Each structure stands twice: as structure tokens, then as C-alpha cells.
């Protein structure tokens, strides 16, 4: 696959955050240093719970939007199915 990813992290509060990146390790470090996004700044630490490879930035963005439109239950099922 490509070098873009859509990912989900679980915040300290239990909330899920979805984003895209071309470098998962760097992005997680940014989130946990408080520079990743405003949403995760006050909810650290975050833990990676889902990642999906995409062929390019455009397809990653489209997949991110689709995941963000899912209900929490559907997101949790996606996480469970990916790693089961």
C-alpha cells in the first residue's frame, strides 16, 4: 500500500480521535507532547488503537471522513475487527 495512514487513538478520557498522517510514530509523539491537535492536548496520553494504510493523501482523507461519520459503536467494532 501507500505511505499514508488513517488512524485512531484512544485518549486518557476514553474518547477516540481520528486523523491522517504519513508517519504514525512521529504523529503519536506529537499527540503525546501536546502538539498533535487541540482535541488531544488536554486528553493525553493517547494510545494508537487503529491504523489503516491508504494509497495516497486523498484516499486517506476520504477514509478519515467516512470513519468520523461513524457512530462510536461502529468505530469500536472497526477497531475490534482490525485486531481480532
C-alpha atoms as a PDB file:
ATOM      1  CA  UNK A   1       0.000   0.000   0.000  1.00  0.00           C
ATOM      2  CA  UNK A   2       0.913   3.655   0.121  1.00  0.00           C
ATOM      3  CA  UNK A   3       2.653   5.693   2.722  1.00  0.00           C
ATOM      4  CA  UNK A   4      -0.404   7.499   4.122  1.00  0.00           C
ATOM      5  CA  UNK A   5      -2.429   6.216   7.049  1.00  0.00           C
ATOM      6  CA  UNK A   6      -5.741   6.916   8.686  1.00  0.00           C
ATOM      7  CA  UNK A   7      -5.503   6.225  12.394  1.00  0.00           C
ATOM      8  CA  UNK A   8      -7.465   6.339  15.620  1.00  0.00           C
ATOM      9  CA  UNK A   9      -6.109   6.996  19.077  1.00  0.00           C
ATOM     10  CA  UNK A  10      -7.847   6.493  22.391  1.00  0.00           C
ATOM     11  CA  UNK A  11      -7.378   9.425  24.734  1.00  0.00           C
ATOM     12  CA  UNK A  12      -6.902   9.209  28.500  1.00  0.00           C
ATOM     13  CA  UNK A  13     -10.581  10.137  28.791  1.00  0.00           C
ATOM     14  CA  UNK A  14     -11.636   7.186  26.608  1.00  0.00           C
ATOM     15  CA  UNK A  15     -12.579   9.407  23.677  1.00  0.00           C
ATOM     16  CA  UNK A  16     -11.472   8.452  20.179  1.00  0.00           C
ATOM     17  CA  UNK A  17      -9.647  10.792  17.810  1.00  0.00           C
ATOM     18  CA  UNK A  18      -9.294  10.049  14.097  1.00  0.00           C
ATOM     19  CA  UNK A  19      -6.663  11.597  11.829  1.00  0.00           C
ATOM     20  CA  UNK A  20      -4.321  11.004   8.911  1.00  0.00           C
ATOM     21  CA  UNK A  21      -0.543  11.032   8.660  1.00  0.00           C
ATOM     22  CA  UNK A  22       2.350   9.836   6.580  1.00  0.00           C
ATOM     23  CA  UNK A  23       4.345   8.959   9.722  1.00  0.00           C
ATOM     24  CA  UNK A  24       2.484   7.181  12.529  1.00  0.00           C
ATOM     25  CA  UNK A  25       5.348   7.195  15.044  1.00  0.00           C
ATOM     26  CA  UNK A  26       6.006  10.919  14.677  1.00  0.00           C
ATOM     27  CA  UNK A  27       2.308  11.762  14.837  1.00  0.00           C
ATOM     28  CA  UNK A  28       1.775   9.782  18.054  1.00  0.00           C
ATOM     29  CA  UNK A  29       4.769  11.512  19.621  1.00  0.00           C
ATOM     30  CA  UNK A  30       3.278  14.876  18.626  1.00  0.00           C
ATOM     31  CA  UNK A  31      -0.074  13.993  20.169  1.00  0.00           C
ATOM     32  CA  UNK A  32       1.588  12.901  23.398  1.00  0.00           C
ATOM     33  CA  UNK A  33       3.753  16.033  23.569  1.00  0.00           C
ATOM     34  CA  UNK A  34       0.622  18.175  23.276  1.00  0.00           C
ATOM     35  CA  UNK A  35       1.258  19.480  19.768  1.00  0.00           C
ATOM     36  CA  UNK A  36      -0.735  16.884  17.848  1.00  0.00           C
ATOM     37  CA  UNK A  37      -4.127  18.561  17.825  1.00  0.00           C
ATOM     38  CA  UNK A  38      -6.221  20.792  20.030  1.00  0.00           C
ATOM     39  CA  UNK A  39      -8.586  17.896  20.705  1.00  0.00           C
ATOM     40  CA  UNK A  40      -5.890  15.647  22.187  1.00  0.00           C
ATOM     41  CA  UNK A  41      -3.906  18.357  24.018  1.00  0.00           C
ATOM     42  CA  UNK A  42      -5.845  18.091  27.261  1.00  0.00           C
ATOM     43  CA  UNK A  43      -6.601  14.402  26.908  1.00  0.00           C
ATOM     44  CA  UNK A  44      -3.100  12.956  26.994  1.00  0.00           C
ATOM     45  CA  UNK A  45      -1.679  10.409  26.894  1.00  0.00           C
ATOM     46  CA  UNK A  46      -3.112   8.872  23.748  1.00  0.00           C
ATOM     47  CA  UNK A  47      -2.696   5.297  22.562  1.00  0.00           C
ATOM     48  CA  UNK A  48      -2.886   4.040  18.988  1.00  0.00           C
ATOM     49  CA  UNK A  49      -5.864   1.686  18.625  1.00  0.00           C
ATOM     50  CA  UNK A  50      -6.313   1.550  14.840  1.00  0.00           C
ATOM     51  CA  UNK A  51      -4.368   2.232  11.666  1.00  0.00           C
ATOM     52  CA  UNK A  52      -5.152   1.621   8.031  1.00  0.00           C
ATOM     53  CA  UNK A  53      -2.795   2.109   5.102  1.00  0.00           C
ATOM     54  CA  UNK A  54      -4.008   4.210   2.166  1.00  0.00           C
ATOM     55  CA  UNK A  55      -2.505   4.683  -1.279  1.00  0.00           C
ATOM     56  CA  UNK A  56      -2.308   8.493  -1.083  1.00  0.00           C
ATOM     57  CA  UNK A  57      -3.325  11.534   0.944  1.00  0.00           C
ATOM     58  CA  UNK A  58      -6.608  11.925  -0.913  1.00  0.00           C
ATOM     59  CA  UNK A  59      -7.782   8.389  -0.169  1.00  0.00           C
ATOM     60  CA  UNK A  60      -6.651   8.749   3.459  1.00  0.00           C
ATOM     61  CA  UNK A  61      -8.685  11.944   3.808  1.00  0.00           C
ATOM     62  CA  UNK A  62     -11.767  10.316   2.309  1.00  0.00           C
ATOM     63  CA  UNK A  63     -11.433   7.340   4.653  1.00  0.00           C
ATOM     64  CA  UNK A  64     -10.911   9.678   7.630  1.00  0.00           C
ATOM     65  CA  UNK A  65     -14.158  11.481   6.806  1.00  0.00           C
ATOM     66  CA  UNK A  66     -16.005   8.169   6.495  1.00  0.00           C
ATOM     67  CA  UNK A  67     -14.705   6.993   9.880  1.00  0.00           C
ATOM     68  CA  UNK A  68     -15.545  10.312  11.550  1.00  0.00           C
ATOM     69  CA  UNK A  69     -19.140   9.914  10.347  1.00  0.00           C
ATOM     70  CA  UNK A  70     -19.419   6.510  12.049  1.00  0.00           C
ATOM     71  CA  UNK A  71     -21.081   6.083  15.410  1.00  0.00           C
ATOM     72  CA  UNK A  72     -18.865   5.316  18.382  1.00  0.00           C
ATOM     73  CA  UNK A  73     -20.164   1.732  18.393  1.00  0.00           C
ATOM     74  CA  UNK A  74     -19.217   1.308  14.727  1.00  0.00           C
ATOM     75  CA  UNK A  75     -15.740   2.729  15.416  1.00  0.00           C
ATOM     76  CA  UNK A  76     -15.254   0.298  18.292  1.00  0.00           C
ATOM     77  CA  UNK A  77     -16.343  -2.577  16.035  1.00  0.00           C
ATOM     78  CA  UNK A  78     -13.877  -1.417  13.381  1.00  0.00           C
ATOM     79  CA  UNK A  79     -11.096  -1.437  15.987  1.00  0.00           C
ATOM     80  CA  UNK A  80     -12.117  -4.867  17.300  1.00  0.00           C
ATOM     81  CA  UNK A  81     -12.349  -6.392  13.804  1.00  0.00           C
ATOM     82  CA  UNK A  82      -8.991  -5.000  12.687  1.00  0.00           C
ATOM     83  CA  UNK A  83      -7.101  -6.620  15.542  1.00  0.00           C
ATOM     84  CA  UNK A  84      -9.079  -9.797  16.130  1.00  0.00           C
END
